[in-house]
Amino acid sequence: MTVSHAPPSAIPAPLEKHSAPTPPELEAVVPASVRRSRLRAAPRWVRRAVGPLLLLVLWQVFSATGVLDPDVLASPGTIARAAADLMADGTLPAAMGVSLQRVVVGLLLGGVIGTSLALVSGLSRLGEDLVDATVQMLRTVPWVGLIPLFIIWLGIGEAPKVALIALGVAFHLYLNVYAGIRGVDAQLIEAGTSLGLGRWGLVRHVVLPGALPGAMTGLRYSLATAWLALVFGESINADAGIGFLMNQAREFFRTDVIVVCLVAYAFLGLTADVIVRILERLLLQWRPTFTGQ
């Protein structure tokens, strides 16, 4: 028997050993919530201070390089020195005290008037017919334009300044308290009635608590308006207060003192807003709200 041999080229080559393919590297997927939490790792006051600090740095750089003329706007360093001088001799604290007193008196007077009118108009249809139309008509009049009349009626002392603040405060409180009363859910009124609450019981336990968020919003608007009215009011022959310092600084082209006075206005307004926020947390604990993500 003849055995045939295949040529070498026809003999199949042994299979080469191939290494297993390297698996691709897996990248950990970080949820968006974790990435946001990393950005929030810094304290909140630090994040809130980034914007103002950046503005101050740019302001100082522009002033130091001559881009910003000191006659147009003083540098932050010059303003800081002016503020230190005014604090050292007691001029700025005394002016802030006088202005704060005017705002407090005007806020109390306007708050009592605006809230009382809102209660009369919001709790009674007859009160609404008698009060609301008149208030809505008067609030369309620019209250700053009433300064000449206030001077004629009340003179040039403290009365027109306080009256101007009280007028601006009263309208804001009236609108928000009135809207808060009329925005109370009617089903809550029916539930209170079914539980045996009388008219004043409903007002005390249902209507007024339901109107409180609107009242707090009106108070915040009123405070902002009070400081705005103070700026106009202290231009009426004022001999004390922050506005008096500003008028003196304007006559001598002291932009540093003017900016210090503006910062004082902003500081007092911010302090008042913080107080209102604290009141909201204390008085509105029963109402959970969305605070952001």
Foldseek 3Di string as FASTA:
>chain_A
DDDDDDDPVPDDDDDDDDDDDDDDDDDDDDDPVVVVVVVPPDDPVVVVCPVVVVVLVVQQVCVVVVVDPVLVANHPVVLVVVLVVCVVVVQVVQQLVVLVVLLVLLLVLLLVQQLVLLCQLQLDVVSVVVRVVVLVVVVVPPLLVCLVVCCVVPNLDSVSLSPSLSVLLSSLQNVLLNCQQVPFDVVVVVVCVVVPQDSVSCVVPGRVLSSVVSNLVSSLSSLVSNLVSNLSSCVRPHPGHLNNQLVVCVVVSNNSSNVVSVVSSVVVSVVVVVVSVVVCCVSVVVDDDDDDD
